[in-house]
Amino acid sequence: MAIYMQRCYYAALGMVGSPQDAEDLSQEAFARAFKARARLDPDRPFYPWLYQILRRLCYNFTRDTSTRRRKLERAGSWLVAEATVRASVDDPERVRATDELRDELERAIEDLPLAQREVFVLKEFEGLKYREIAELLDVPIGTVMSRLYAARHKLAAQLEGLE
């Protein structure tokens, strides 16, 4: 179950942006799944069922919260964590440039519409295949592909020239 909790947490983090809110939402998803366990089809995988519960919770949270701009306050930091580690401590200019790139990337991801951001996070950070994403979101595979294309296109346009 720990692996499902971690996956739920990161999926929620990608959708709502706040580590605290992501933790609350992922725990709430598990609580609701436990209460509804009688409705679980034993012939179907567990995670897609759990993800649908989490997804609805995250969508409702995003819709209902008055602070919509907090969506990805710090979630994008894990995107460039590797680059930060590789940046030499002896080179403060390189560290500053990496920090600036991380901040720009976080803002660009935050600006994506929720549906595009969700597909982007599932593909790029969760490493899911198009078909798996389509099943999780209960949408056609073409919708997954078009949302991912749009997300990548918007990110590329926003980050152009930041290299």
N, C-alpha and C. Protein backbone atom coordinates (compact mmCIF):
# COMPACT_ATOMS: atom_id res chain seq x y z
N MET A 1 0.81 -1.19 0.00
CA MET A 1 0.00 0.00 0.00
C MET A 1 0.85 1.26 0.00
N ALA A 2 2.07 1.18 0.53
CA ALA A 2 2.92 2.37 0.61
C ALA A 2 3.22 2.92 -0.77
N ILE A 3 3.40 2.05 -1.75
CA ILE A 3 3.68 2.53 -3.11
C ILE A 3 2.48 3.28 -3.68
N TYR A 4 1.28 2.82 -3.36
CA TYR A 4 0.08 3.53 -3.83
C TYR A 4 -0.05 4.88 -3.15
N MET A 5 0.30 4.94 -1.88
CA MET A 5 0.23 6.21 -1.15
C MET A 5 1.20 7.22 -1.76
N GLN A 6 2.40 6.76 -2.08
CA GLN A 6 3.39 7.65 -2.68
C GLN A 6 2.93 8.13 -4.05
N ARG A 7 2.42 7.23 -4.87
CA ARG A 7 1.92 7.61 -6.20
C ARG A 7 0.77 8.60 -6.09
N CYS A 8 -0.13 8.35 -5.14
CA CYS A 8 -1.26 9.27 -4.93
C CYS A 8 -0.75 10.64 -4.50
N TYR A 9 0.20 10.64 -3.59
CA TYR A 9 0.74 11.92 -3.10
C TYR A 9 1.32 12.73 -4.26
N TYR A 10 2.17 12.10 -5.08
CA TYR A 10 2.80 12.84 -6.17
C TYR A 10 1.79 13.25 -7.25
N ALA A 11 0.80 12.42 -7.49
CA ALA A 11 -0.24 12.79 -8.45
C ALA A 11 -1.02 14.00 -7.93
N ALA A 12 -1.37 13.96 -6.65
CA ALA A 12 -2.09 15.09 -6.05
C ALA A 12 -1.21 16.34 -6.04
N LEU A 13 0.06 16.18 -5.74
CA LEU A 13 0.98 17.31 -5.73
C LEU A 13 1.04 17.96 -7.11
N GLY A 14 1.05 17.14 -8.14
CA GLY A 14 1.06 17.67 -9.50
C GLY A 14 -0.21 18.42 -9.86
N MET A 15 -1.31 18.06 -9.22
CA MET A 15 -2.58 18.71 -9.54
C MET A 15 -2.86 19.93 -8.66
N VAL A 16 -2.48 19.89 -7.38
CA VAL A 16 -2.83 21.00 -6.50
C VAL A 16 -1.64 21.85 -6.08
N GLY A 17 -0.43 21.32 -6.17
CA GLY A 17 0.76 22.11 -5.95
C GLY A 17 1.25 22.23 -4.53
N SER A 18 0.43 22.12 -3.57
CA SER A 18 0.83 22.29 -2.18
C SER A 18 1.13 20.92 -1.56
N PRO A 19 2.32 20.75 -0.99
CA PRO A 19 2.64 19.46 -0.36
C PRO A 19 1.65 19.08 0.75
N GLN A 20 1.24 20.05 1.54
CA GLN A 20 0.31 19.77 2.62
C GLN A 20 -1.06 19.35 2.07
N ASP A 21 -1.54 20.09 1.08
CA ASP A 21 -2.83 19.75 0.48
C ASP A 21 -2.77 18.40 -0.23
N ALA A 22 -1.66 18.12 -0.89
CA ALA A 22 -1.49 16.83 -1.58
C ALA A 22 -1.53 15.68 -0.58
N GLU A 23 -0.90 15.88 0.56
CA GLU A 23 -0.92 14.83 1.58
C GLU A 23 -2.34 14.62 2.11
N ASP A 24 -3.03 15.72 2.39
CA ASP A 24 -4.42 15.62 2.87
C ASP A 24 -5.31 14.93 1.85
N LEU A 25 -5.19 15.33 0.59
CA LEU A 25 -6.05 14.76 -0.45
C LEU A 25 -5.75 13.28 -0.69
N SER A 26 -4.47 12.91 -0.67
CA SER A 26 -4.14 11.50 -0.88
C SER A 26 -4.63 10.65 0.29
N GLN A 27 -4.55 11.17 1.51
CA GLN A 27 -5.07 10.44 2.66
C GLN A 27 -6.60 10.33 2.59
N GLU A 28 -7.23 11.41 2.17
CA GLU A 28 -8.69 11.38 2.01
C GLU A 28 -9.10 10.37 0.95
N ALA A 29 -8.32 10.27 -0.13
CA ALA A 29 -8.62 9.29 -1.18
C ALA A 29 -8.56 7.87 -0.62
N PHE A 30 -7.55 7.58 0.20
CA PHE A 30 -7.45 6.26 0.81
C PHE A 30 -8.62 6.00 1.76
N ALA A 31 -9.00 7.00 2.53
CA ALA A 31 -10.12 6.83 3.46
C ALA A 31 -11.41 6.53 2.68
N ARG A 32 -11.63 7.27 1.62
CA ARG A 32 -12.83 7.03 0.81
C ARG A 32 -12.78 5.68 0.12
N ALA A 33 -11.60 5.29 -0.34
CA ALA A 33 -11.46 3.98 -0.98
C ALA A 33 -11.76 2.87 0.02
N PHE A 34 -11.30 3.04 1.25
CA PHE A 34 -11.57 2.04 2.27
C PHE A 34 -13.07 1.92 2.53
N LYS A 35 -13.74 3.06 2.63
CA LYS A 35 -15.18 3.05 2.87
C LYS A 35 -15.95 2.42 1.71
N ALA A 36 -15.42 2.59 0.49
CA ALA A 36 -16.11 2.10 -0.71
C ALA A 36 -15.53 0.79 -1.21
N ARG A 37 -14.75 0.10 -0.40
CA ARG A 37 -14.06 -1.11 -0.84
C ARG A 37 -15.00 -2.20 -1.34
N ALA A 38 -16.24 -2.19 -0.89
CA ALA A 38 -17.21 -3.19 -1.35
C ALA A 38 -17.53 -3.01 -2.84
N ARG A 39 -17.34 -1.80 -3.35
CA ARG A 39 -17.64 -1.53 -4.77
C ARG A 39 -16.45 -1.81 -5.69
N LEU A 40 -15.31 -2.17 -5.13
CA LEU A 40 -14.12 -2.46 -5.92
C LEU A 40 -14.30 -3.76 -6.68
N ASP A 41 -14.09 -3.72 -7.97
CA ASP A 41 -14.18 -4.91 -8.81
C ASP A 41 -12.85 -5.67 -8.69
N PRO A 42 -12.85 -6.88 -8.13
CA PRO A 42 -11.60 -7.61 -7.92
C PRO A 42 -10.90 -8.00 -9.22
N ASP A 43 -11.61 -7.93 -10.34
CA ASP A 43 -11.00 -8.27 -11.62
C ASP A 43 -10.29 -7.08 -12.27
N ARG A 44 -10.40 -5.91 -11.67
CA ARG A 44 -9.78 -4.70 -12.22
C ARG A 44 -8.65 -4.25 -11.31
N PRO A 45 -7.64 -3.58 -11.88
CA PRO A 45 -6.52 -3.12 -11.05
C PRO A 45 -6.97 -2.09 -10.01
N PHE A 46 -6.29 -2.07 -8.89
CA PHE A 46 -6.64 -1.19 -7.77
C PHE A 46 -6.31 0.27 -8.05
N TYR A 47 -5.10 0.55 -8.55
CA TYR A 47 -4.66 1.94 -8.66
C TYR A 47 -5.56 2.80 -9.56
N PRO A 48 -5.96 2.34 -10.72
CA PRO A 48 -6.86 3.20 -11.52
C PRO A 48 -8.15 3.57 -10.78
N TRP A 49 -8.68 2.64 -10.01
CA TRP A 49 -9.88 2.90 -9.22
C TRP A 49 -9.58 3.96 -8.16
N LEU A 50 -8.48 3.77 -7.44
CA LEU A 50 -8.06 4.73 -6.42
C LEU A 50 -7.76 6.10 -7.04
N TYR A 51 -7.12 6.09 -8.20
CA TYR A 51 -6.77 7.35 -8.86
C TYR A 51 -8.03 8.15 -9.21
N GLN A 52 -9.09 7.50 -9.62
CA GLN A 52 -10.33 8.21 -9.95
C GLN A 52 -10.88 8.92 -8.72
N ILE A 53 -10.79 8.29 -7.58
CA ILE A 53 -11.23 8.92 -6.33
C ILE A 53 -10.36 10.14 -6.05
N LEU A 54 -9.05 9.97 -6.15
CA LEU A 54 -8.11 11.06 -5.91
C LEU A 54 -8.33 12.20 -6.89
N ARG A 55 -8.51 11.85 -8.13
CA ARG A 55 -8.70 12.86 -9.18
C ARG A 55 -9.91 13.73 -8.88
N ARG A 56 -11.02 13.12 -8.53
CA ARG A 56 -12.23 13.88 -8.20
C ARG A 56 -11.99 14.79 -7.01
N LEU A 57 -11.30 14.28 -6.00
CA LEU A 57 -10.99 15.10 -4.83
C LEU A 57 -10.13 16.31 -5.22
N CYS A 58 -9.13 16.07 -6.05
CA CYS A 58 -8.24 17.16 -6.46
C CYS A 58 -8.96 18.18 -7.33
N TYR A 59 -9.79 17.72 -8.24
CA TYR A 59 -10.56 18.65 -9.07
C TYR A 59 -11.49 19.49 -8.20
N ASN A 60 -12.16 18.86 -7.27
CA ASN A 60 -13.05 19.61 -6.38
C ASN A 60 -12.27 20.60 -5.53
N PHE A 61 -11.13 20.18 -5.03
CA PHE A 61 -10.30 21.08 -4.23
C PHE A 61 -9.86 22.28 -5.05
N THR A 62 -9.39 22.03 -6.27
CA THR A 62 -8.92 23.12 -7.13
C THR A 62 -10.07 24.06 -7.48
N ARG A 63 -11.21 23.51 -7.75
CA ARG A 63 -12.37 24.33 -8.10
C ARG A 63 -12.83 25.15 -6.91
N ASP A 64 -12.84 24.55 -5.74
CA ASP A 64 -13.43 25.18 -4.56
C ASP A 64 -12.50 26.14 -3.84
N THR A 65 -11.24 25.98 -4.00
CA THR A 65 -10.33 26.83 -3.23
C THR A 65 -10.27 28.24 -3.79
N SER A 66 -10.16 29.19 -2.93
CA SER A 66 -10.09 30.58 -3.38
C SER A 66 -8.67 30.97 -3.76
N THR A 67 -7.71 30.14 -3.44
CA THR A 67 -6.32 30.44 -3.74
C THR A 67 -5.82 29.57 -4.88
N ARG A 68 -6.42 29.68 -6.02
CA ARG A 68 -6.08 28.84 -7.17
C ARG A 68 -4.64 29.03 -7.64
N ARG A 69 -4.04 30.15 -7.38
CA ARG A 69 -2.69 30.42 -7.87
C ARG A 69 -1.61 29.69 -7.08
N ARG A 70 -1.99 28.95 -6.03
CA ARG A 70 -1.01 28.18 -5.26
C ARG A 70 -0.77 26.81 -5.87
N LYS A 71 -1.33 26.53 -7.01
CA LYS A 71 -1.39 25.18 -7.57
C LYS A 71 -0.06 24.43 -7.55
N LEU A 72 1.00 25.05 -7.96
CA LEU A 72 2.29 24.35 -8.00
C LEU A 72 3.39 25.17 -7.35
N GLU A 73 3.17 25.63 -6.15
CA GLU A 73 4.13 26.50 -5.48
C GLU A 73 5.54 25.90 -5.51
N ARG A 74 5.65 24.70 -5.06
CA ARG A 74 6.97 24.10 -5.00
C ARG A 74 7.07 22.76 -5.72
N ALA A 75 5.99 22.31 -6.35
CA ALA A 75 5.99 20.98 -6.96
C ALA A 75 7.00 20.84 -8.08
N GLY A 76 7.27 21.92 -8.80
CA GLY A 76 8.21 21.84 -9.92
C GLY A 76 9.65 21.70 -9.50
N SER A 77 9.94 21.89 -8.20
CA SER A 77 11.33 21.84 -7.76
C SER A 77 11.96 20.47 -7.99
N TRP A 78 11.19 19.41 -7.91
CA TRP A 78 11.76 18.09 -8.15
C TRP A 78 12.11 17.90 -9.61
N LEU A 79 11.57 18.76 -10.47
CA LEU A 79 11.90 18.69 -11.89
C LEU A 79 13.37 18.97 -12.14
N VAL A 80 13.92 19.95 -11.46
CA VAL A 80 15.30 20.34 -11.70
C VAL A 80 16.22 20.00 -10.54
N ALA A 81 15.77 19.15 -9.63
CA ALA A 81 16.60 18.78 -8.48
C ALA A 81 17.92 18.17 -8.94
N GLU A 82 17.86 17.37 -9.98
CA GLU A 82 19.09 16.76 -10.51
C GLU A 82 20.06 17.83 -10.99
N ALA A 83 19.55 18.83 -11.67
CA ALA A 83 20.42 19.90 -12.16
C ALA A 83 21.04 20.67 -11.00
N THR A 84 20.29 20.86 -9.93
CA THR A 84 20.83 21.56 -8.76
C THR A 84 21.95 20.76 -8.13
N VAL A 85 21.74 19.45 -8.03
CA VAL A 85 22.77 18.59 -7.45
C VAL A 85 24.04 18.63 -8.30
N ARG A 86 23.87 18.67 -9.60
CA ARG A 86 25.03 18.68 -10.50
C ARG A 86 25.74 20.01 -10.51
N ALA A 87 25.02 21.07 -10.16
CA ALA A 87 25.65 22.39 -10.16
C ALA A 87 26.74 22.42 -9.09
N SER A 88 27.87 22.89 -9.44
CA SER A 88 29.00 22.93 -8.52
C SER A 88 28.77 23.97 -7.44
N VAL A 89 29.07 23.60 -6.21
CA VAL A 89 28.97 24.54 -5.10
C VAL A 89 30.02 25.64 -5.26
N ASP A 90 31.10 25.33 -5.97
CA ASP A 90 32.15 26.30 -6.19
C ASP A 90 31.77 27.33 -7.26
N ASP A 91 30.66 27.13 -7.92
CA ASP A 91 30.26 28.03 -9.00
C ASP A 91 28.91 28.66 -8.67
N PRO A 92 28.90 29.74 -7.89
CA PRO A 92 27.64 30.36 -7.48
C PRO A 92 26.81 30.87 -8.65
N GLU A 93 27.46 31.26 -9.73
CA GLU A 93 26.72 31.72 -10.91
C GLU A 93 25.90 30.58 -11.52
N ARG A 94 26.47 29.40 -11.54
CA ARG A 94 25.76 28.24 -12.06
C ARG A 94 24.58 27.86 -11.17
N VAL A 95 24.77 27.94 -9.85
CA VAL A 95 23.69 27.65 -8.91
C VAL A 95 22.57 28.66 -9.09
N ARG A 96 22.91 29.96 -9.24
CA ARG A 96 21.90 30.99 -9.44
C ARG A 96 21.13 30.76 -10.72
N ALA A 97 21.83 30.39 -11.79
CA ALA A 97 21.17 30.13 -13.07
C ALA A 97 20.22 28.94 -12.96
N THR A 98 20.63 27.91 -12.23
CA THR A 98 19.77 26.74 -12.03
C THR A 98 18.53 27.12 -11.24
N ASP A 99 18.71 27.93 -10.21
CA ASP A 99 17.56 28.38 -9.41
C ASP A 99 16.59 29.19 -10.25
N GLU A 100 17.11 30.05 -11.11
CA GLU A 100 16.25 30.85 -11.98
C GLU A 100 15.49 29.95 -12.96
N LEU A 101 16.17 28.97 -13.52
CA LEU A 101 15.52 28.04 -14.44
C LEU A 101 14.42 27.26 -13.74
N ARG A 102 14.67 26.81 -12.51
CA ARG A 102 13.67 26.08 -11.74
C ARG A 102 12.44 26.97 -11.51
N ASP A 103 12.68 28.22 -11.13
CA ASP A 103 11.56 29.14 -10.88
C ASP A 103 10.74 29.37 -12.15
N GLU A 104 11.40 29.55 -13.28
CA GLU A 104 10.69 29.75 -14.55
C GLU A 104 9.89 28.51 -14.92
N LEU A 105 10.49 27.34 -14.72
CA LEU A 105 9.82 26.09 -15.04
C LEU A 105 8.60 25.89 -14.14
N GLU A 106 8.73 26.18 -12.87
CA GLU A 106 7.59 26.06 -11.96
C GLU A 106 6.45 26.98 -12.40
N ARG A 107 6.79 28.22 -12.76
CA ARG A 107 5.75 29.16 -13.21
C ARG A 107 5.10 28.68 -14.50
N ALA A 108 5.90 28.13 -15.41
CA ALA A 108 5.35 27.65 -16.68
C ALA A 108 4.40 26.47 -16.46
N ILE A 109 4.76 25.55 -15.60
CA ILE A 109 3.89 24.40 -15.30
C ILE A 109 2.64 24.89 -14.59
N GLU A 110 2.79 25.84 -13.67
CA GLU A 110 1.65 26.38 -12.94
C GLU A 110 0.64 27.03 -13.89
N ASP A 111 1.11 27.62 -14.97
CA ASP A 111 0.24 28.31 -15.92
C ASP A 111 -0.52 27.36 -16.85
N LEU A 112 -0.15 26.09 -16.88
CA LEU A 112 -0.87 25.14 -17.73
C LEU A 112 -2.29 24.94 -17.22
N PRO A 113 -3.25 24.79 -18.12
CA PRO A 113 -4.60 24.42 -17.67
C PRO A 113 -4.55 23.08 -16.94
N LEU A 114 -5.43 22.89 -15.98
CA LEU A 114 -5.40 21.70 -15.12
C LEU A 114 -5.38 20.39 -15.91
N ALA A 115 -6.20 20.28 -16.94
CA ALA A 115 -6.27 19.03 -17.71
C ALA A 115 -4.94 18.75 -18.40
N GLN A 116 -4.30 19.79 -18.93
CA GLN A 116 -3.00 19.60 -19.58
C GLN A 116 -1.92 19.29 -18.56
N ARG A 117 -1.95 19.99 -17.43
CA ARG A 117 -0.95 19.76 -16.39
C ARG A 117 -1.05 18.33 -15.86
N GLU A 118 -2.28 17.85 -15.69
CA GLU A 118 -2.48 16.50 -15.17
C GLU A 118 -1.87 15.47 -16.11
N VAL A 119 -2.13 15.58 -17.40
CA VAL A 119 -1.57 14.64 -18.37
C VAL A 119 -0.05 14.76 -18.41
N PHE A 120 0.46 15.99 -18.37
CA PHE A 120 1.90 16.23 -18.39
C PHE A 120 2.58 15.57 -17.20
N VAL A 121 2.02 15.74 -16.01
CA VAL A 121 2.60 15.15 -14.80
C VAL A 121 2.56 13.62 -14.87
N LEU A 122 1.44 13.07 -15.30
CA LEU A 122 1.33 11.61 -15.39
C LEU A 122 2.32 11.03 -16.39
N LYS A 123 2.54 11.71 -17.50
CA LYS A 123 3.46 11.21 -18.53
C LYS A 123 4.92 11.43 -18.14
N GLU A 124 5.26 12.67 -17.81
CA GLU A 124 6.66 13.03 -17.61
C GLU A 124 7.21 12.66 -16.24
N PHE A 125 6.38 12.69 -15.20
CA PHE A 125 6.88 12.43 -13.86
C PHE A 125 6.49 11.06 -13.35
N GLU A 126 5.31 10.60 -13.70
CA GLU A 126 4.88 9.26 -13.30
C GLU A 126 5.40 8.21 -14.29
N GLY A 127 5.73 8.64 -15.52
CA GLY A 127 6.26 7.72 -16.52
C GLY A 127 5.22 6.79 -17.12
N LEU A 128 3.96 7.19 -17.06
CA LEU A 128 2.90 6.33 -17.59
C LEU A 128 2.85 6.41 -19.11
N LYS A 129 2.34 5.36 -19.71
CA LYS A 129 2.14 5.31 -21.16
C LYS A 129 0.81 5.98 -21.50
N TYR A 130 0.67 6.37 -22.77
CA TYR A 130 -0.56 7.04 -23.21
C TYR A 130 -1.81 6.23 -22.83
N ARG A 131 -1.76 4.95 -23.09
CA ARG A 131 -2.92 4.10 -22.82
C ARG A 131 -3.25 4.07 -21.32
N GLU A 132 -2.22 4.00 -20.48
CA GLU A 132 -2.44 4.00 -19.04
C GLU A 132 -3.08 5.31 -18.58
N ILE A 133 -2.61 6.41 -19.13
CA ILE A 133 -3.17 7.72 -18.78
C ILE A 133 -4.63 7.79 -19.23
N ALA A 134 -4.89 7.33 -20.43
CA ALA A 134 -6.26 7.35 -20.96
C ALA A 134 -7.19 6.53 -20.05
N GLU A 135 -6.73 5.38 -19.59
CA GLU A 135 -7.54 4.56 -18.70
C GLU A 135 -7.75 5.23 -17.35
N LEU A 136 -6.69 5.83 -16.80
CA LEU A 136 -6.81 6.51 -15.51
C LEU A 136 -7.80 7.67 -15.57
N LEU A 137 -7.73 8.43 -16.66
CA LEU A 137 -8.58 9.62 -16.78
C LEU A 137 -9.92 9.32 -17.43
N ASP A 138 -10.06 8.11 -17.95
CA ASP A 138 -11.29 7.71 -18.64
C ASP A 138 -11.60 8.64 -19.81
N VAL A 139 -10.55 8.85 -20.63
CA VAL A 139 -10.69 9.66 -21.84
C VAL A 139 -10.06 8.88 -23.00
N PRO A 140 -10.39 9.23 -24.23
CA PRO A 140 -9.76 8.57 -25.37
C PRO A 140 -8.26 8.85 -25.42
N ILE A 141 -7.51 7.94 -25.99
CA ILE A 141 -6.06 8.10 -26.07
C ILE A 141 -5.70 9.35 -26.89
N GLY A 142 -6.52 9.67 -27.88
CA GLY A 142 -6.28 10.88 -28.68
C GLY A 142 -6.37 12.14 -27.83
N THR A 143 -7.25 12.15 -26.85
CA THR A 143 -7.37 13.29 -25.94
C THR A 143 -6.11 13.43 -25.11
N VAL A 144 -5.57 12.32 -24.64
CA VAL A 144 -4.32 12.33 -23.89
C VAL A 144 -3.22 12.92 -24.76
N MET A 145 -3.14 12.45 -25.99
CA MET A 145 -2.09 12.91 -26.88
C MET A 145 -2.22 14.41 -27.19
N SER A 146 -3.44 14.87 -27.42
CA SER A 146 -3.61 16.29 -27.75
C SER A 146 -3.35 17.17 -26.53
N ARG A 147 -3.74 16.73 -25.34
CA ARG A 147 -3.46 17.52 -24.13
C ARG A 147 -1.96 17.58 -23.86
N LEU A 148 -1.28 16.45 -24.05
CA LEU A 148 0.16 16.43 -23.83
C LEU A 148 0.88 17.30 -24.85
N TYR A 149 0.44 17.24 -26.09
CA TYR A 149 1.04 18.08 -27.13
C TYR A 149 0.85 19.55 -26.78
N ALA A 150 -0.36 19.91 -26.38
CA ALA A 150 -0.64 21.31 -26.04
C ALA A 150 0.20 21.76 -24.84
N ALA A 151 0.33 20.89 -23.84
CA ALA A 151 1.12 21.23 -22.66
C ALA A 151 2.59 21.44 -23.03
N ARG A 152 3.13 20.54 -23.80
CA ARG A 152 4.53 20.66 -24.21
C ARG A 152 4.75 21.90 -25.07
N HIS A 153 3.80 22.16 -25.96
CA HIS A 153 3.90 23.33 -26.83
C HIS A 153 3.89 24.63 -26.01
N LYS A 154 3.00 24.72 -25.03
CA LYS A 154 2.93 25.91 -24.17
C LYS A 154 4.20 26.05 -23.33
N LEU A 155 4.69 24.94 -22.79
CA LEU A 155 5.92 25.01 -21.99
C LEU A 155 7.10 25.45 -22.85
N ALA A 156 7.21 24.90 -24.04
CA ALA A 156 8.30 25.27 -24.93
C ALA A 156 8.24 26.75 -25.28
N ALA A 157 7.05 27.24 -25.56
CA ALA A 157 6.90 28.66 -25.91
C ALA A 157 7.28 29.55 -24.73
N GLN A 158 6.88 29.16 -23.52
CA GLN A 158 7.18 29.97 -22.35
C GLN A 158 8.66 29.92 -21.95
N LEU A 159 9.28 28.78 -22.21
CA LEU A 159 10.67 28.61 -21.77
C LEU A 159 11.68 28.90 -22.88
N GLU A 160 11.22 29.28 -24.04
CA GLU A 160 12.10 29.55 -25.17
C GLU A 160 13.11 30.63 -24.79
N GLY A 161 14.36 30.36 -25.07
CA GLY A 161 15.40 31.34 -24.82
C GLY A 161 15.95 31.36 -23.39
N LEU A 162 15.54 30.43 -22.54
CA LEU A 162 16.03 30.42 -21.17
C LEU A 162 17.25 29.54 -20.97
N GLU A 163 17.71 28.90 -21.99
CA GLU A 163 18.82 27.96 -21.84
C GLU A 163 20.01 28.63 -21.32
